[in-house]
Amino acid sequence: MNHDYLFETDLPDGVKSVFLNGKKISRAEFLERQKKLRKKKELKFEP
């Protein structure tokens, strides 16, 4: 299942963890994954 839509928006301030593919990850880990995914997309779309 594709969960890219979760990485397109910012998390609200009160969120402390996220469940992704049945695993609980911390807010910090989610933000790190979000940053990596955005970098990959930026590199992919460069002409």
Protein backbone atom coordinates (compact mmCIF):
# COMPACT_ATOMS: atom_id res chain seq x y z
CA MET A 1 0.00 0.00 0.00
CA ASN A 2 1.29 3.45 -0.89
CA HIS A 3 1.36 5.90 2.04
CA ASP A 4 3.06 8.79 0.25
CA TYR A 5 0.10 11.07 1.00
CA LEU A 6 1.10 10.97 4.68
CA PHE A 7 4.46 12.48 3.81
CA GLU A 8 2.97 15.29 1.70
CA THR A 9 1.49 17.16 4.66
CA ASP A 10 2.93 18.32 7.97
CA LEU A 11 1.92 16.70 11.24
CA PRO A 12 -0.06 18.74 13.76
CA ASP A 13 1.91 19.83 16.83
CA GLY A 14 0.15 17.46 19.27
CA VAL A 15 1.07 14.28 17.38
CA LYS A 16 3.68 12.23 19.24
CA SER A 17 3.73 9.06 17.14
CA VAL A 18 2.39 7.62 13.89
CA PHE A 19 1.32 4.09 12.96
CA LEU A 20 2.71 3.15 9.56
CA ASN A 21 2.35 -0.35 8.11
CA GLY A 22 1.41 -1.70 11.52
CA LYS A 23 4.46 -0.21 13.25
CA LYS A 24 4.53 2.67 15.68
CA ILE A 25 7.18 5.26 14.87
CA SER A 26 8.02 8.41 16.78
CA ARG A 27 7.36 11.90 15.46
CA ALA A 28 11.12 12.48 15.06
CA GLU A 29 11.56 9.30 13.02
CA PHE A 30 8.56 10.21 10.86
CA LEU A 31 9.98 13.68 10.18
CA GLU A 32 13.34 12.12 9.25
CA ARG A 33 11.66 9.75 6.80
CA GLN A 34 9.63 12.65 5.40
CA LYS A 35 12.82 14.65 4.82
CA LYS A 36 14.48 11.73 3.00
CA LEU A 37 11.43 11.14 0.81
CA ARG A 38 11.24 14.82 -0.16
CA LYS A 39 14.94 14.79 -1.13
CA LYS A 40 14.38 11.74 -3.33
CA LYS A 41 11.46 13.43 -5.05
CA GLU A 42 13.47 16.62 -5.60
CA LEU A 43 16.30 14.65 -7.21
CA LYS A 44 13.85 12.69 -9.33
CA PHE A 45 12.18 15.82 -10.79
CA GLU A 46 15.32 17.78 -11.67
CA PRO A 47 15.63 18.29 -15.46
